[in-house]
Every structure is written in C-alpha cells, then in structure tokens.
C-alpha cells in the first residue's frame, strides 16, 4: 500500500485502533522476529485490544517483513490450515 504522506498512514492507524475491539473471531498472528518495518510491540498491542477469545501468535525465525514470500512461507501455510481446522 502506498501513502502520499505520513498523515494518511496515521489516519489509517487511528481508524484501525478504534476498530480492534470489534474483532471477535479467532485470531492468528504471524510475526517475524527480524522485521525492520513493523515493531514487535504491535503484536502485544493487538492481542490486548482485540476481543477474540481464541488468539494465537507464531513468531517466525527465518523471515523478514514479507513472511509469506520468505523462508517461513511453508510453515505459515501449514499453521494457517491447522488454525482453520481447529476453529471451524
């Protein structure tokens, strides 16, 4: 996604923060430990602010920011299928 300036991104983030409490569905988060774009703290923030009862985080050791195109892509596929089966 491209933003013309940081104000657009800030508006989007504010909008998202306001909506997090409305998330009630099971939540699976993948997060690279070596992501230089999105801070690791965002996972904790999200977990604290969603209303989902079922929450799972999988930290990825072998990927960077675009995890689905990196070394952990097969693990992501496998864990996603497992999560869907467990929560459907």
N, C-alpha and C. Protein backbone atom coordinates (compact mmCIF):
# COMPACT_ATOMS: atom_id res chain seq x y z
N UNK A 1 0.84 -1.17 0.00
CA UNK A 1 0.00 0.00 0.00
C UNK A 1 0.89 1.23 0.00
N UNK A 2 0.51 2.21 -0.78
CA UNK A 2 1.30 3.42 -0.89
C UNK A 2 0.55 4.58 -0.24
N UNK A 3 1.25 5.36 0.56
CA UNK A 3 0.68 6.55 1.19
C UNK A 3 1.40 7.78 0.69
N UNK A 4 0.65 8.79 0.36
CA UNK A 4 1.25 10.03 -0.14
C UNK A 4 2.11 10.69 0.92
N UNK A 5 1.67 10.61 2.15
CA UNK A 5 2.47 11.16 3.24
C UNK A 5 2.12 10.44 4.53
N UNK A 6 2.85 10.72 5.57
CA UNK A 6 2.67 10.01 6.84
C UNK A 6 1.33 10.32 7.50
N UNK A 7 0.71 11.45 7.14
CA UNK A 7 -0.61 11.76 7.72
C UNK A 7 -1.65 10.74 7.29
N UNK A 8 -1.56 10.27 6.07
CA UNK A 8 -2.50 9.25 5.60
C UNK A 8 -2.33 7.96 6.39
N UNK A 9 -1.09 7.58 6.59
CA UNK A 9 -0.83 6.38 7.38
C UNK A 9 -1.32 6.55 8.81
N UNK A 10 -1.10 7.68 9.41
CA UNK A 10 -1.55 7.95 10.77
C UNK A 10 -3.08 7.89 10.86
N UNK A 11 -3.77 8.41 9.86
CA UNK A 11 -5.23 8.33 9.86
C UNK A 11 -5.70 6.89 9.77
N UNK A 12 -5.04 6.11 8.94
CA UNK A 12 -5.39 4.70 8.83
C UNK A 12 -5.17 3.96 10.15
N UNK A 13 -4.04 4.19 10.77
CA UNK A 13 -3.73 3.53 12.05
C UNK A 13 -4.74 3.91 13.12
N UNK A 14 -5.13 5.16 13.18
CA UNK A 14 -6.14 5.60 14.15
C UNK A 14 -7.45 4.86 13.90
N UNK A 15 -7.84 4.77 12.66
CA UNK A 15 -9.07 4.07 12.29
C UNK A 15 -9.01 2.59 12.72
N UNK A 16 -7.89 1.96 12.46
CA UNK A 16 -7.72 0.55 12.83
C UNK A 16 -7.76 0.37 14.34
N UNK A 17 -7.07 1.22 15.07
CA UNK A 17 -7.07 1.11 16.54
C UNK A 17 -8.47 1.19 17.10
N UNK A 18 -9.28 2.07 16.54
CA UNK A 18 -10.65 2.24 17.01
C UNK A 18 -11.50 1.00 16.74
N UNK A 19 -11.15 0.22 15.75
CA UNK A 19 -11.94 -0.94 15.35
C UNK A 19 -11.48 -2.26 15.98
N UNK A 20 -10.32 -2.30 16.58
CA UNK A 20 -9.78 -3.56 17.09
C UNK A 20 -10.71 -4.26 18.07
N UNK A 21 -11.36 -3.53 18.94
CA UNK A 21 -12.27 -4.14 19.93
C UNK A 21 -13.43 -4.88 19.28
N UNK A 22 -13.73 -4.55 18.05
CA UNK A 22 -14.83 -5.21 17.35
C UNK A 22 -14.43 -6.57 16.78
N UNK A 23 -13.18 -6.92 16.87
CA UNK A 23 -12.71 -8.22 16.36
C UNK A 23 -13.00 -9.28 17.41
N UNK A 24 -13.92 -10.21 17.05
CA UNK A 24 -14.32 -11.28 17.97
C UNK A 24 -13.97 -12.67 17.44
N UNK A 25 -13.61 -12.76 16.22
CA UNK A 25 -13.32 -14.05 15.59
C UNK A 25 -11.94 -14.55 16.04
N UNK A 26 -11.70 -15.85 15.93
CA UNK A 26 -10.36 -16.37 16.25
C UNK A 26 -9.28 -15.64 15.45
N UNK A 27 -8.18 -15.41 16.11
CA UNK A 27 -7.12 -14.59 15.52
C UNK A 27 -5.79 -15.34 15.53
N UNK A 28 -5.16 -15.41 14.38
CA UNK A 28 -3.84 -16.00 14.25
C UNK A 28 -2.91 -14.92 13.70
N UNK A 29 -1.84 -14.66 14.43
CA UNK A 29 -0.87 -13.65 14.02
C UNK A 29 0.47 -14.32 13.76
N UNK A 30 1.04 -14.01 12.63
CA UNK A 30 2.41 -14.41 12.33
C UNK A 30 3.27 -13.16 12.42
N UNK A 31 4.40 -13.28 13.09
CA UNK A 31 5.27 -12.12 13.25
C UNK A 31 6.73 -12.54 13.16
N UNK A 32 7.42 -11.93 12.23
CA UNK A 32 8.86 -12.17 12.12
C UNK A 32 9.58 -11.48 13.26
N UNK A 33 10.51 -12.18 13.84
CA UNK A 33 11.32 -11.57 14.90
C UNK A 33 12.29 -10.55 14.35
N UNK A 34 12.60 -10.65 13.07
CA UNK A 34 13.54 -9.74 12.41
C UNK A 34 12.83 -8.87 11.38
N UNK A 35 11.81 -8.19 11.81
CA UNK A 35 11.06 -7.30 10.92
C UNK A 35 11.46 -5.87 11.23
N UNK A 36 12.07 -5.20 10.27
CA UNK A 36 12.55 -3.83 10.50
C UNK A 36 11.52 -2.79 10.08
N UNK A 37 10.30 -3.24 9.76
CA UNK A 37 9.25 -2.33 9.33
C UNK A 37 8.18 -2.19 10.42
N UNK A 38 7.71 -3.31 10.91
CA UNK A 38 6.65 -3.32 11.92
C UNK A 38 7.26 -3.75 13.26
N UNK A 39 7.13 -2.93 14.29
CA UNK A 39 7.72 -3.27 15.59
C UNK A 39 7.06 -4.50 16.23
N UNK A 40 7.83 -5.24 16.93
CA UNK A 40 7.35 -6.43 17.63
C UNK A 40 6.24 -6.09 18.63
N UNK A 41 6.30 -4.91 19.20
CA UNK A 41 5.30 -4.47 20.19
C UNK A 41 3.89 -4.42 19.62
N UNK A 42 3.78 -4.32 18.30
CA UNK A 42 2.45 -4.28 17.70
C UNK A 42 1.65 -5.55 17.96
N UNK A 43 2.34 -6.67 18.10
CA UNK A 43 1.65 -7.92 18.40
C UNK A 43 0.99 -7.82 19.77
N UNK A 44 1.72 -7.38 20.77
CA UNK A 44 1.16 -7.23 22.11
C UNK A 44 -0.01 -6.26 22.12
N UNK A 45 0.15 -5.16 21.42
CA UNK A 45 -0.93 -4.17 21.35
C UNK A 45 -2.19 -4.79 20.75
N UNK A 46 -2.02 -5.50 19.67
CA UNK A 46 -3.17 -6.14 19.01
C UNK A 46 -3.82 -7.15 19.93
N UNK A 47 -3.04 -7.99 20.56
CA UNK A 47 -3.58 -9.01 21.46
C UNK A 47 -4.35 -8.39 22.63
N UNK A 48 -3.84 -7.30 23.14
CA UNK A 48 -4.52 -6.62 24.27
C UNK A 48 -5.82 -5.95 23.84
N UNK A 49 -5.94 -5.60 22.59
CA UNK A 49 -7.05 -4.76 22.17
C UNK A 49 -8.12 -5.43 21.32
N UNK A 50 -7.92 -6.65 20.92
CA UNK A 50 -8.99 -7.37 20.23
C UNK A 50 -9.86 -8.07 21.26
N UNK A 51 -11.07 -8.40 20.87
CA UNK A 51 -12.00 -9.08 21.77
C UNK A 51 -12.05 -10.59 21.53
N UNK A 52 -11.24 -11.08 20.66
CA UNK A 52 -11.22 -12.51 20.34
C UNK A 52 -10.86 -13.32 21.59
N UNK A 53 -11.55 -14.43 21.75
CA UNK A 53 -11.21 -15.33 22.85
C UNK A 53 -10.06 -16.25 22.44
N UNK A 54 -10.08 -16.66 21.19
CA UNK A 54 -9.03 -17.54 20.67
C UNK A 54 -8.00 -16.67 19.95
N UNK A 55 -6.80 -16.60 20.53
CA UNK A 55 -5.71 -15.80 19.96
C UNK A 55 -4.44 -16.64 19.97
N UNK A 56 -3.75 -16.63 18.87
CA UNK A 56 -2.51 -17.39 18.78
C UNK A 56 -1.48 -16.56 18.01
N UNK A 57 -0.25 -16.59 18.51
CA UNK A 57 0.84 -15.90 17.84
C UNK A 57 1.92 -16.91 17.50
N UNK A 58 2.41 -16.84 16.30
CA UNK A 58 3.53 -17.68 15.89
C UNK A 58 4.65 -16.73 15.46
N UNK A 59 5.74 -16.80 16.18
CA UNK A 59 6.90 -15.97 15.87
C UNK A 59 7.78 -16.72 14.87
N UNK A 60 8.15 -16.03 13.84
CA UNK A 60 8.92 -16.63 12.75
C UNK A 60 10.39 -16.29 12.89
N UNK A 61 11.20 -17.31 12.78
CA UNK A 61 12.65 -17.16 12.99
C UNK A 61 13.42 -16.91 11.70
N UNK A 62 12.85 -17.32 10.56
CA UNK A 62 13.63 -17.33 9.32
C UNK A 62 13.08 -16.40 8.24
N UNK A 63 12.34 -15.40 8.64
CA UNK A 63 11.76 -14.49 7.66
C UNK A 63 11.92 -13.05 8.12
N UNK A 64 11.73 -12.17 7.16
CA UNK A 64 11.77 -10.74 7.46
C UNK A 64 10.37 -10.17 7.28
N UNK A 65 10.24 -8.98 6.75
CA UNK A 65 8.94 -8.30 6.73
C UNK A 65 7.87 -9.01 5.89
N UNK A 66 8.20 -9.51 4.74
CA UNK A 66 7.21 -10.16 3.89
C UNK A 66 7.32 -11.67 4.09
N UNK A 67 6.76 -12.13 5.19
CA UNK A 67 6.94 -13.52 5.61
C UNK A 67 6.41 -14.54 4.62
N UNK A 68 5.32 -14.21 3.96
CA UNK A 68 4.71 -15.18 3.03
C UNK A 68 5.52 -15.39 1.76
N UNK A 69 6.56 -14.59 1.58
CA UNK A 69 7.44 -14.76 0.42
C UNK A 69 8.85 -15.12 0.86
N UNK A 70 8.99 -15.48 2.12
CA UNK A 70 10.31 -15.74 2.67
C UNK A 70 10.42 -17.20 3.11
N UNK A 71 11.43 -17.51 3.88
CA UNK A 71 11.74 -18.90 4.23
C UNK A 71 10.66 -19.60 5.04
N UNK A 72 9.84 -18.85 5.76
CA UNK A 72 8.80 -19.46 6.61
C UNK A 72 7.46 -19.64 5.89
N UNK A 73 7.41 -19.42 4.60
CA UNK A 73 6.13 -19.46 3.89
C UNK A 73 5.42 -20.81 4.02
N UNK A 74 6.16 -21.91 3.99
CA UNK A 74 5.53 -23.23 4.13
C UNK A 74 4.98 -23.44 5.54
N UNK A 75 5.71 -22.98 6.53
CA UNK A 75 5.24 -23.06 7.91
C UNK A 75 3.97 -22.23 8.09
N UNK A 76 3.93 -21.07 7.48
CA UNK A 76 2.74 -20.22 7.55
C UNK A 76 1.53 -20.93 6.96
N UNK A 77 1.71 -21.56 5.82
CA UNK A 77 0.61 -22.31 5.19
C UNK A 77 0.14 -23.44 6.09
N UNK A 78 1.06 -24.20 6.60
CA UNK A 78 0.73 -25.34 7.46
C UNK A 78 -0.01 -24.89 8.72
N UNK A 79 0.51 -23.89 9.40
CA UNK A 79 -0.10 -23.41 10.65
C UNK A 79 -1.45 -22.74 10.41
N UNK A 80 -1.59 -22.11 9.26
CA UNK A 80 -2.88 -21.49 8.93
C UNK A 80 -3.95 -22.55 8.72
N UNK A 81 -3.63 -23.58 7.99
CA UNK A 81 -4.58 -24.68 7.78
C UNK A 81 -4.95 -25.32 9.11
N UNK A 82 -3.97 -25.57 9.97
CA UNK A 82 -4.22 -26.14 11.29
C UNK A 82 -5.16 -25.25 12.11
N UNK A 83 -4.92 -23.95 12.08
CA UNK A 83 -5.72 -23.00 12.84
C UNK A 83 -7.16 -22.98 12.34
N UNK A 84 -7.33 -23.00 11.04
CA UNK A 84 -8.67 -23.00 10.46
C UNK A 84 -9.41 -24.27 10.85
N UNK A 85 -8.76 -25.40 10.76
CA UNK A 85 -9.39 -26.68 11.14
C UNK A 85 -9.78 -26.67 12.61
N UNK A 86 -8.91 -26.15 13.45
CA UNK A 86 -9.16 -26.12 14.89
C UNK A 86 -10.31 -25.18 15.26
N UNK A 87 -10.52 -24.14 14.47
CA UNK A 87 -11.50 -23.12 14.83
C UNK A 87 -12.73 -23.07 13.92
N UNK A 88 -12.95 -24.13 13.17
CA UNK A 88 -14.16 -24.11 12.32
C UNK A 88 -15.14 -25.18 12.74
